[in-house]
N, C-alpha and C. Protein backbone atom coordinates (compact mmCIF):
# COMPACT_ATOMS: atom_id res chain seq x y z
N MET A 1 -13.81 6.95 16.37
CA MET A 1 -12.85 7.35 15.38
C MET A 1 -11.42 7.17 15.91
N GLU A 2 -11.23 7.50 17.19
CA GLU A 2 -9.91 7.37 17.80
C GLU A 2 -9.48 5.90 17.83
N GLN A 3 -10.42 4.98 18.11
CA GLN A 3 -10.10 3.55 18.12
C GLN A 3 -9.68 3.09 16.73
N LYS A 4 -10.34 3.60 15.72
CA LYS A 4 -10.01 3.24 14.34
C LYS A 4 -8.58 3.68 14.02
N GLN A 5 -8.23 4.90 14.42
CA GLN A 5 -6.88 5.41 14.17
C GLN A 5 -5.85 4.59 14.94
N ARG A 6 -6.17 4.21 16.16
CA ARG A 6 -5.26 3.37 16.94
C ARG A 6 -5.04 2.03 16.25
N PHE A 7 -6.12 1.45 15.73
CA PHE A 7 -5.99 0.18 15.02
C PHE A 7 -5.09 0.33 13.81
N ILE A 8 -5.29 1.39 13.04
CA ILE A 8 -4.47 1.63 11.85
C ILE A 8 -3.01 1.83 12.25
N ASP A 9 -2.77 2.59 13.30
CA ASP A 9 -1.41 2.81 13.79
C ASP A 9 -0.75 1.49 14.20
N ASN A 10 -1.49 0.67 14.93
CA ASN A 10 -0.96 -0.61 15.39
C ASN A 10 -0.71 -1.54 14.21
N PHE A 11 -1.63 -1.55 13.27
CA PHE A 11 -1.47 -2.41 12.10
C PHE A 11 -0.24 -1.99 11.30
N ALA A 12 -0.03 -0.70 11.15
CA ALA A 12 1.16 -0.21 10.45
C ALA A 12 2.43 -0.67 11.16
N HIS A 13 2.41 -0.64 12.48
CA HIS A 13 3.55 -1.11 13.27
C HIS A 13 3.77 -2.60 13.05
N GLU A 14 2.69 -3.37 13.03
CA GLU A 14 2.78 -4.82 12.79
C GLU A 14 3.39 -5.11 11.43
N LEU A 15 3.08 -4.32 10.45
CA LEU A 15 3.63 -4.51 9.10
C LEU A 15 5.08 -4.05 9.01
N ARG A 16 5.41 -2.97 9.70
CA ARG A 16 6.74 -2.40 9.59
C ARG A 16 7.84 -3.34 10.07
N THR A 17 7.60 -4.07 11.15
CA THR A 17 8.66 -4.92 11.70
C THR A 17 9.12 -5.99 10.70
N PRO A 18 8.22 -6.81 10.15
CA PRO A 18 8.71 -7.79 9.17
C PRO A 18 9.22 -7.14 7.89
N LEU A 19 8.61 -6.03 7.46
CA LEU A 19 9.09 -5.36 6.26
C LEU A 19 10.51 -4.84 6.45
N THR A 20 10.80 -4.32 7.65
CA THR A 20 12.14 -3.85 7.95
C THR A 20 13.14 -5.00 7.88
N SER A 21 12.78 -6.15 8.43
CA SER A 21 13.66 -7.32 8.36
C SER A 21 13.87 -7.77 6.92
N ILE A 22 12.79 -7.83 6.15
CA ILE A 22 12.90 -8.26 4.75
C ILE A 22 13.81 -7.30 3.99
N TYR A 23 13.59 -6.02 4.17
CA TYR A 23 14.41 -5.02 3.48
C TYR A 23 15.87 -5.14 3.88
N GLY A 24 16.12 -5.29 5.18
CA GLY A 24 17.50 -5.42 5.66
C GLY A 24 18.21 -6.63 5.08
N TYR A 25 17.53 -7.76 5.04
CA TYR A 25 18.14 -8.96 4.48
C TYR A 25 18.30 -8.85 2.97
N ALA A 26 17.37 -8.21 2.28
CA ALA A 26 17.51 -8.01 0.83
C ALA A 26 18.70 -7.11 0.53
N GLU A 27 18.87 -6.07 1.33
CA GLU A 27 20.02 -5.18 1.19
C GLU A 27 21.32 -5.95 1.42
N TYR A 28 21.32 -6.80 2.43
CA TYR A 28 22.48 -7.63 2.75
C TYR A 28 22.82 -8.55 1.58
N LEU A 29 21.80 -9.09 0.92
CA LEU A 29 22.01 -9.99 -0.23
C LEU A 29 22.65 -9.27 -1.41
N GLN A 30 22.49 -7.97 -1.49
CA GLN A 30 23.08 -7.22 -2.59
C GLN A 30 24.59 -7.10 -2.49
N LYS A 31 25.14 -7.37 -1.32
CA LYS A 31 26.59 -7.31 -1.16
C LYS A 31 27.23 -8.43 -1.96
N ALA A 32 28.22 -8.09 -2.74
CA ALA A 32 28.85 -9.07 -3.64
C ALA A 32 29.72 -10.08 -2.92
N SER A 33 30.17 -9.76 -1.74
CA SER A 33 31.16 -10.61 -1.08
C SER A 33 30.59 -11.55 -0.02
N ILE A 34 29.32 -11.89 -0.09
CA ILE A 34 28.77 -12.81 0.91
C ILE A 34 28.78 -14.23 0.37
N SER A 35 28.94 -15.16 1.27
CA SER A 35 29.03 -16.57 0.90
C SER A 35 27.66 -17.13 0.53
N GLU A 36 27.67 -18.27 -0.15
CA GLU A 36 26.41 -18.93 -0.50
C GLU A 36 25.63 -19.30 0.76
N GLU A 37 26.35 -19.72 1.80
CA GLU A 37 25.69 -20.09 3.06
C GLU A 37 24.97 -18.88 3.66
N ASP A 38 25.63 -17.71 3.64
CA ASP A 38 25.00 -16.49 4.15
C ASP A 38 23.81 -16.09 3.29
N LYS A 39 23.91 -16.29 1.98
CA LYS A 39 22.79 -15.98 1.08
C LYS A 39 21.59 -16.87 1.41
N LEU A 40 21.84 -18.16 1.63
CA LEU A 40 20.76 -19.08 1.98
C LEU A 40 20.11 -18.69 3.30
N GLU A 41 20.94 -18.33 4.27
CA GLU A 41 20.41 -17.92 5.57
C GLU A 41 19.54 -16.67 5.43
N ALA A 42 20.03 -15.69 4.68
CA ALA A 42 19.27 -14.45 4.49
C ALA A 42 17.95 -14.71 3.77
N THR A 43 17.97 -15.54 2.74
CA THR A 43 16.72 -15.83 2.03
C THR A 43 15.74 -16.58 2.93
N GLY A 44 16.26 -17.41 3.82
CA GLY A 44 15.40 -18.10 4.79
C GLY A 44 14.67 -17.12 5.69
N PHE A 45 15.38 -16.09 6.17
CA PHE A 45 14.75 -15.08 7.01
C PHE A 45 13.73 -14.27 6.22
N ILE A 46 14.07 -13.95 4.96
CA ILE A 46 13.12 -13.22 4.12
C ILE A 46 11.84 -14.03 3.96
N MET A 47 11.97 -15.32 3.73
CA MET A 47 10.79 -16.18 3.58
C MET A 47 9.99 -16.24 4.88
N SER A 48 10.69 -16.36 6.01
CA SER A 48 10.02 -16.44 7.30
C SER A 48 9.22 -15.16 7.59
N GLU A 49 9.84 -14.01 7.35
CA GLU A 49 9.15 -12.75 7.59
C GLU A 49 8.02 -12.54 6.59
N SER A 50 8.20 -13.03 5.37
CA SER A 50 7.12 -12.95 4.37
C SER A 50 5.92 -13.76 4.83
N ARG A 51 6.18 -14.91 5.45
CA ARG A 51 5.08 -15.72 6.00
C ARG A 51 4.36 -14.95 7.11
N ARG A 52 5.12 -14.26 7.95
CA ARG A 52 4.49 -13.45 9.00
C ARG A 52 3.60 -12.38 8.38
N LEU A 53 4.08 -11.73 7.32
CA LEU A 53 3.26 -10.72 6.65
C LEU A 53 2.00 -11.35 6.06
N GLN A 54 2.16 -12.53 5.51
CA GLN A 54 1.01 -13.25 4.96
C GLN A 54 -0.01 -13.54 6.06
N ASN A 55 0.47 -13.98 7.22
CA ASN A 55 -0.42 -14.25 8.35
C ASN A 55 -1.14 -12.98 8.81
N ILE A 56 -0.41 -11.87 8.85
CA ILE A 56 -1.02 -10.60 9.22
C ILE A 56 -2.12 -10.24 8.22
N ALA A 57 -1.84 -10.45 6.94
CA ALA A 57 -2.84 -10.16 5.90
C ALA A 57 -4.08 -11.03 6.09
N TYR A 58 -3.88 -12.31 6.43
CA TYR A 58 -5.03 -13.19 6.66
C TYR A 58 -5.87 -12.71 7.85
N VAL A 59 -5.21 -12.27 8.90
CA VAL A 59 -5.94 -11.76 10.06
C VAL A 59 -6.73 -10.51 9.67
N LEU A 60 -6.10 -9.63 8.89
CA LEU A 60 -6.80 -8.43 8.44
C LEU A 60 -8.01 -8.80 7.58
N LEU A 61 -7.85 -9.78 6.71
CA LEU A 61 -8.98 -10.22 5.89
C LEU A 61 -10.10 -10.78 6.76
N ASP A 62 -9.72 -11.51 7.80
CA ASP A 62 -10.73 -12.02 8.74
C ASP A 62 -11.49 -10.89 9.39
N LEU A 63 -10.75 -9.86 9.83
CA LEU A 63 -11.40 -8.71 10.46
C LEU A 63 -12.30 -7.98 9.47
N ALA A 64 -11.81 -7.81 8.25
CA ALA A 64 -12.57 -7.08 7.24
C ALA A 64 -13.87 -7.78 6.90
N SER A 65 -13.86 -9.09 6.92
CA SER A 65 -15.08 -9.83 6.58
C SER A 65 -15.86 -10.22 7.83
N LEU A 66 -15.49 -9.62 8.96
CA LEU A 66 -16.16 -9.84 10.24
C LEU A 66 -16.12 -11.28 10.71
N ARG A 67 -15.14 -12.02 10.21
CA ARG A 67 -14.92 -13.37 10.72
C ARG A 67 -13.85 -13.26 11.78
N SER A 68 -13.99 -14.01 12.84
CA SER A 68 -12.96 -13.97 13.86
C SER A 68 -12.03 -15.17 13.68
N SER A 69 -10.75 -14.87 13.61
CA SER A 69 -9.80 -15.98 13.52
C SER A 69 -9.62 -16.57 14.91
N GLU A 70 -9.55 -17.87 14.97
CA GLU A 70 -9.41 -18.54 16.26
C GLU A 70 -7.95 -18.56 16.69
N ILE A 71 -7.74 -18.35 17.96
CA ILE A 71 -6.40 -18.47 18.51
C ILE A 71 -6.17 -19.94 18.77
N VAL A 72 -5.07 -20.44 18.23
CA VAL A 72 -4.76 -21.86 18.35
C VAL A 72 -3.72 -22.04 19.45
N PHE A 73 -4.16 -22.63 20.56
CA PHE A 73 -3.24 -22.91 21.66
C PHE A 73 -2.58 -24.25 21.43
N ALA A 74 -1.26 -24.23 21.47
CA ALA A 74 -0.48 -25.45 21.28
C ALA A 74 0.84 -25.26 22.03
N PRO A 75 1.54 -26.34 22.34
CA PRO A 75 2.83 -26.20 22.99
C PRO A 75 3.82 -25.44 22.09
N VAL A 76 4.47 -24.44 22.67
CA VAL A 76 5.46 -23.64 21.95
C VAL A 76 6.81 -23.84 22.64
N ASP A 77 7.81 -24.26 21.89
CA ASP A 77 9.16 -24.45 22.41
C ASP A 77 9.77 -23.07 22.64
N ILE A 78 10.05 -22.73 23.89
CA ILE A 78 10.51 -21.39 24.24
C ILE A 78 11.89 -21.10 23.66
N ALA A 79 12.82 -22.03 23.75
CA ALA A 79 14.16 -21.80 23.20
C ALA A 79 14.09 -21.53 21.70
N GLU A 80 13.24 -22.28 21.00
CA GLU A 80 13.07 -22.07 19.56
C GLU A 80 12.44 -20.71 19.28
N LEU A 81 11.44 -20.34 20.08
CA LEU A 81 10.80 -19.03 19.93
C LEU A 81 11.83 -17.92 20.12
N PHE A 82 12.62 -18.02 21.19
CA PHE A 82 13.64 -17.00 21.47
C PHE A 82 14.66 -16.94 20.33
N GLN A 83 15.08 -18.09 19.82
CA GLN A 83 16.06 -18.10 18.73
C GLN A 83 15.47 -17.45 17.48
N ASN A 84 14.19 -17.69 17.21
CA ASN A 84 13.53 -17.05 16.06
C ASN A 84 13.51 -15.53 16.22
N ILE A 85 13.30 -15.06 17.43
CA ILE A 85 13.29 -13.62 17.70
C ILE A 85 14.67 -13.04 17.40
N ILE A 86 15.69 -13.70 17.91
CA ILE A 86 17.06 -13.23 17.67
C ILE A 86 17.38 -13.27 16.19
N ASP A 87 17.03 -14.37 15.52
CA ASP A 87 17.29 -14.49 14.08
C ASP A 87 16.61 -13.38 13.29
N THR A 88 15.40 -13.03 13.68
CA THR A 88 14.64 -11.99 12.98
C THR A 88 15.29 -10.62 13.15
N LEU A 89 15.84 -10.35 14.32
CA LEU A 89 16.32 -9.00 14.64
C LEU A 89 17.84 -8.87 14.72
N VAL A 90 18.58 -9.94 14.41
CA VAL A 90 20.03 -9.92 14.60
C VAL A 90 20.70 -8.80 13.81
N ARG A 91 20.32 -8.59 12.58
CA ARG A 91 20.96 -7.55 11.76
C ARG A 91 20.69 -6.16 12.35
N LYS A 92 19.47 -5.92 12.75
CA LYS A 92 19.13 -4.63 13.35
C LYS A 92 19.92 -4.41 14.64
N ALA A 93 20.02 -5.46 15.45
CA ALA A 93 20.77 -5.36 16.71
C ALA A 93 22.25 -5.13 16.43
N GLU A 94 22.80 -5.85 15.45
CA GLU A 94 24.22 -5.67 15.11
C GLU A 94 24.49 -4.26 14.61
N GLU A 95 23.59 -3.73 13.78
CA GLU A 95 23.77 -2.37 13.26
C GLU A 95 23.84 -1.36 14.39
N LYS A 96 23.08 -1.60 15.45
CA LYS A 96 23.06 -0.68 16.58
C LYS A 96 24.04 -1.11 17.68
N GLN A 97 24.76 -2.21 17.44
CA GLN A 97 25.73 -2.75 18.40
C GLN A 97 25.07 -3.09 19.73
N VAL A 98 23.89 -3.70 19.63
CA VAL A 98 23.14 -4.14 20.81
C VAL A 98 23.21 -5.66 20.88
N THR A 99 23.52 -6.19 22.05
CA THR A 99 23.56 -7.64 22.22
C THR A 99 22.22 -8.13 22.79
N ILE A 100 21.81 -9.31 22.32
CA ILE A 100 20.58 -9.92 22.80
C ILE A 100 20.93 -11.29 23.36
N SER A 101 20.51 -11.55 24.60
CA SER A 101 20.73 -12.86 25.20
C SER A 101 19.40 -13.37 25.75
N PHE A 102 19.33 -14.68 25.95
CA PHE A 102 18.11 -15.24 26.52
C PHE A 102 18.43 -16.38 27.46
N ALA A 103 17.51 -16.58 28.41
CA ALA A 103 17.61 -17.68 29.37
C ALA A 103 16.22 -18.28 29.53
N CYS A 104 16.16 -19.60 29.48
CA CYS A 104 14.87 -20.30 29.56
C CYS A 104 14.78 -21.05 30.89
N GLY A 105 13.82 -20.68 31.72
CA GLY A 105 13.58 -21.38 32.96
C GLY A 105 12.54 -22.48 32.82
N PHE A 106 11.93 -22.57 31.66
CA PHE A 106 11.00 -23.65 31.33
C PHE A 106 11.10 -23.90 29.83
N ASP A 107 10.68 -25.08 29.40
CA ASP A 107 10.87 -25.48 28.01
C ASP A 107 9.70 -25.15 27.10
N VAL A 108 8.48 -25.24 27.62
CA VAL A 108 7.29 -25.15 26.76
C VAL A 108 6.26 -24.21 27.39
N LEU A 109 5.58 -23.46 26.53
CA LEU A 109 4.48 -22.59 26.94
C LEU A 109 3.32 -22.86 25.99
N ASN A 110 2.12 -23.02 26.53
CA ASN A 110 0.95 -23.20 25.67
C ASN A 110 0.48 -21.83 25.20
N GLY A 111 0.34 -21.69 23.89
CA GLY A 111 -0.11 -20.43 23.33
C GLY A 111 -0.17 -20.49 21.82
N ASP A 112 -0.54 -19.40 21.21
CA ASP A 112 -0.56 -19.28 19.76
C ASP A 112 0.83 -18.84 19.32
N ARG A 113 1.53 -19.71 18.61
CA ARG A 113 2.92 -19.46 18.23
C ARG A 113 3.09 -18.15 17.47
N ASP A 114 2.25 -17.90 16.47
CA ASP A 114 2.39 -16.69 15.67
C ASP A 114 2.15 -15.43 16.50
N LEU A 115 1.13 -15.46 17.37
CA LEU A 115 0.87 -14.30 18.21
C LEU A 115 2.00 -14.06 19.20
N LEU A 116 2.51 -15.15 19.80
CA LEU A 116 3.64 -15.01 20.73
C LEU A 116 4.86 -14.45 20.02
N GLN A 117 5.14 -14.97 18.83
CA GLN A 117 6.31 -14.48 18.10
C GLN A 117 6.15 -13.01 17.73
N SER A 118 4.97 -12.64 17.26
CA SER A 118 4.72 -11.24 16.91
C SER A 118 4.90 -10.33 18.12
N LEU A 119 4.33 -10.73 19.24
CA LEU A 119 4.46 -9.96 20.48
C LEU A 119 5.92 -9.82 20.89
N MET A 120 6.64 -10.95 20.91
CA MET A 120 8.02 -10.93 21.38
C MET A 120 8.94 -10.18 20.41
N VAL A 121 8.71 -10.30 19.11
CA VAL A 121 9.51 -9.54 18.15
C VAL A 121 9.26 -8.05 18.34
N ASN A 122 8.01 -7.65 18.53
CA ASN A 122 7.70 -6.24 18.74
C ASN A 122 8.34 -5.71 20.03
N LEU A 123 8.24 -6.47 21.12
CA LEU A 123 8.86 -6.03 22.37
C LEU A 123 10.37 -5.91 22.24
N THR A 124 10.99 -6.90 21.59
CA THR A 124 12.44 -6.88 21.43
C THR A 124 12.86 -5.77 20.47
N ASP A 125 12.10 -5.57 19.41
CA ASP A 125 12.38 -4.48 18.46
C ASP A 125 12.31 -3.14 19.19
N ASN A 126 11.30 -2.96 20.03
CA ASN A 126 11.19 -1.73 20.82
C ASN A 126 12.37 -1.58 21.78
N ALA A 127 12.83 -2.69 22.35
CA ALA A 127 13.99 -2.64 23.25
C ALA A 127 15.24 -2.22 22.49
N ILE A 128 15.41 -2.72 21.27
CA ILE A 128 16.56 -2.31 20.45
C ILE A 128 16.52 -0.81 20.22
N LYS A 129 15.34 -0.30 19.89
CA LYS A 129 15.18 1.14 19.65
C LYS A 129 15.51 1.95 20.90
N ALA A 130 15.19 1.41 22.08
CA ALA A 130 15.40 2.13 23.33
C ALA A 130 16.86 2.12 23.77
N CYS A 131 17.64 1.15 23.29
CA CYS A 131 19.04 1.02 23.70
C CYS A 131 19.94 2.00 22.96
N GLU A 132 20.96 2.42 23.66
CA GLU A 132 22.04 3.18 23.03
C GLU A 132 22.99 2.18 22.39
N PRO A 133 23.84 2.60 21.44
CA PRO A 133 24.84 1.68 20.89
C PRO A 133 25.67 1.06 22.02
N GLY A 134 25.88 -0.24 21.92
CA GLY A 134 26.60 -0.97 22.97
C GLY A 134 25.69 -1.50 24.06
N GLY A 135 24.39 -1.27 23.94
CA GLY A 135 23.43 -1.71 24.95
C GLY A 135 23.20 -3.21 24.91
N SER A 136 22.37 -3.67 25.84
CA SER A 136 22.08 -5.10 25.89
C SER A 136 20.60 -5.33 26.22
N ILE A 137 20.12 -6.47 25.72
CA ILE A 137 18.74 -6.90 25.95
C ILE A 137 18.78 -8.32 26.47
N ASN A 138 18.05 -8.57 27.55
CA ASN A 138 17.96 -9.91 28.12
C ASN A 138 16.50 -10.36 28.06
N ILE A 139 16.28 -11.52 27.42
CA ILE A 139 14.95 -12.11 27.35
C ILE A 139 14.97 -13.32 28.26
N THR A 140 14.10 -13.34 29.25
CA THR A 140 14.11 -14.40 30.27
C THR A 140 12.73 -15.02 30.41
N ALA A 141 12.71 -16.34 30.46
CA ALA A 141 11.46 -17.08 30.73
C ALA A 141 11.64 -17.79 32.06
N TYR A 142 10.69 -17.59 32.98
CA TYR A 142 10.78 -18.25 34.28
C TYR A 142 9.38 -18.51 34.83
N ALA A 143 9.32 -19.40 35.80
CA ALA A 143 8.05 -19.72 36.46
C ALA A 143 8.08 -19.12 37.86
N GLU A 144 6.93 -18.55 38.27
CA GLU A 144 6.83 -17.93 39.59
C GLU A 144 5.39 -18.07 40.07
N ASN A 145 5.22 -18.65 41.25
CA ASN A 145 3.89 -18.85 41.83
C ASN A 145 2.94 -19.55 40.86
N GLY A 146 3.44 -20.56 40.17
CA GLY A 146 2.62 -21.33 39.25
C GLY A 146 2.31 -20.65 37.92
N ARG A 147 2.90 -19.49 37.69
CA ARG A 147 2.69 -18.76 36.43
C ARG A 147 3.97 -18.75 35.62
N LYS A 148 3.84 -18.80 34.32
CA LYS A 148 4.99 -18.69 33.43
C LYS A 148 5.10 -17.24 32.97
N ILE A 149 6.31 -16.70 33.09
CA ILE A 149 6.54 -15.29 32.80
C ILE A 149 7.68 -15.17 31.80
N ILE A 150 7.51 -14.28 30.84
CA ILE A 150 8.58 -13.94 29.90
C ILE A 150 8.84 -12.45 30.03
N GLU A 151 10.10 -12.09 30.27
CA GLU A 151 10.49 -10.69 30.43
C GLU A 151 11.45 -10.30 29.32
N VAL A 152 11.30 -9.07 28.86
CA VAL A 152 12.26 -8.46 27.94
C VAL A 152 12.80 -7.24 28.68
N ARG A 153 14.08 -7.27 29.01
CA ARG A 153 14.71 -6.17 29.74
C ARG A 153 15.83 -5.59 28.90
N ASP A 154 15.91 -4.27 28.90
CA ASP A 154 17.01 -3.61 28.20
C ASP A 154 17.62 -2.57 29.12
N ASN A 155 18.79 -2.08 28.74
CA ASN A 155 19.41 -1.03 29.54
C ASN A 155 19.30 0.31 28.80
N GLY A 156 18.14 0.49 28.17
CA GLY A 156 17.86 1.72 27.42
C GLY A 156 17.46 2.86 28.32
N ARG A 157 16.78 3.81 27.72
CA ARG A 157 16.49 5.06 28.41
C ARG A 157 15.43 4.94 29.51
N GLY A 158 14.68 3.86 29.54
CA GLY A 158 13.71 3.64 30.61
C GLY A 158 12.42 4.42 30.42
N MET A 159 11.51 4.23 31.38
CA MET A 159 10.21 4.88 31.34
C MET A 159 9.90 5.48 32.71
N THR A 160 9.12 6.54 32.69
CA THR A 160 8.70 7.16 33.95
C THR A 160 7.57 6.32 34.56
N ARG A 161 7.26 6.59 35.82
CA ARG A 161 6.14 5.89 36.47
C ARG A 161 4.83 6.15 35.72
N GLU A 162 4.65 7.38 35.26
CA GLU A 162 3.43 7.71 34.52
C GLU A 162 3.34 6.90 33.22
N GLN A 163 4.45 6.77 32.52
CA GLN A 163 4.46 5.97 31.29
C GLN A 163 4.18 4.51 31.60
N LEU A 164 4.78 4.00 32.65
CA LEU A 164 4.56 2.60 33.04
C LEU A 164 3.09 2.33 33.37
N ALA A 165 2.41 3.33 33.93
CA ALA A 165 1.00 3.16 34.29
C ALA A 165 0.13 2.97 33.04
N HIS A 166 0.59 3.42 31.89
CA HIS A 166 -0.20 3.35 30.65
C HIS A 166 0.30 2.28 29.68
N ILE A 167 1.39 1.64 29.98
CA ILE A 167 2.05 0.76 29.01
C ILE A 167 1.19 -0.43 28.56
N THR A 168 0.25 -0.86 29.38
CA THR A 168 -0.60 -1.99 28.98
C THR A 168 -1.84 -1.57 28.20
N GLU A 169 -2.03 -0.27 28.03
CA GLU A 169 -3.16 0.20 27.23
C GLU A 169 -2.91 -0.13 25.76
N PRO A 170 -3.94 -0.56 25.06
CA PRO A 170 -3.75 -0.89 23.65
C PRO A 170 -3.19 0.29 22.86
N PHE A 171 -2.15 0.03 22.09
CA PHE A 171 -1.55 0.98 21.16
C PHE A 171 -0.85 2.16 21.84
N TYR A 172 -0.61 2.09 23.15
CA TYR A 172 0.07 3.18 23.84
C TYR A 172 1.51 3.27 23.34
N ARG A 173 1.98 4.49 23.12
CA ARG A 173 3.37 4.72 22.71
C ARG A 173 4.02 5.62 23.75
N VAL A 174 5.19 5.21 24.22
CA VAL A 174 5.91 6.01 25.20
C VAL A 174 6.40 7.29 24.55
N ASP A 175 7.04 7.17 23.39
CA ASP A 175 7.60 8.33 22.70
C ASP A 175 6.75 8.63 21.47
N LYS A 176 5.77 9.48 21.66
CA LYS A 176 4.85 9.80 20.57
C LYS A 176 5.53 10.60 19.46
N ALA A 177 6.63 11.24 19.77
CA ALA A 177 7.33 12.04 18.77
C ALA A 177 8.22 11.20 17.86
N ARG A 178 8.54 10.00 18.30
CA ARG A 178 9.45 9.16 17.51
C ARG A 178 8.81 8.82 16.17
N SER A 179 9.61 8.82 15.15
CA SER A 179 9.12 8.54 13.80
C SER A 179 8.65 7.11 13.68
N ARG A 180 7.56 6.91 12.95
CA ARG A 180 7.06 5.56 12.72
C ARG A 180 7.98 4.81 11.76
N ALA A 181 8.83 5.52 11.06
CA ALA A 181 9.74 4.88 10.11
C ALA A 181 10.97 4.32 10.79
N GLU A 182 11.11 4.53 12.06
CA GLU A 182 12.29 4.07 12.81
C GLU A 182 12.45 2.58 12.71
């Protein structure tokens, strides 16, 4: 039963991130003084996040019908992935006055593009939440000992050693008291 609740909690989190972006861009579009170029950009992000929601729905349908969706490994352009992350979260970061920067030590990573983007958007979204206004987030891709590594670092409130020991557990939350609506 606990695993089921964890899955539901995680799924709600997966839905909240793109819905938050869609809502933010829709709200932005309601402003009367934005240019046509800005309107086109905002609608592009709404469409992109809607596609992510659609993909999440397809995965859920696969799980519900006990079909397993295959992970598709293909070359993923890291700079493009990082730019998509920033584009998805730029409004949220600006609202909180958090800067996001990235550095690429390699060009391509083999993986499932949608899963990588979902993971990186969630990590970066969590970093934004952890930062105080005026904070910064650095996303870095580098190679070390034949392995490709992507790091998301922020200058937020940090985690204790005990929290770090549990961070890789599925659905673990550092701040259990924090509202899911954040």
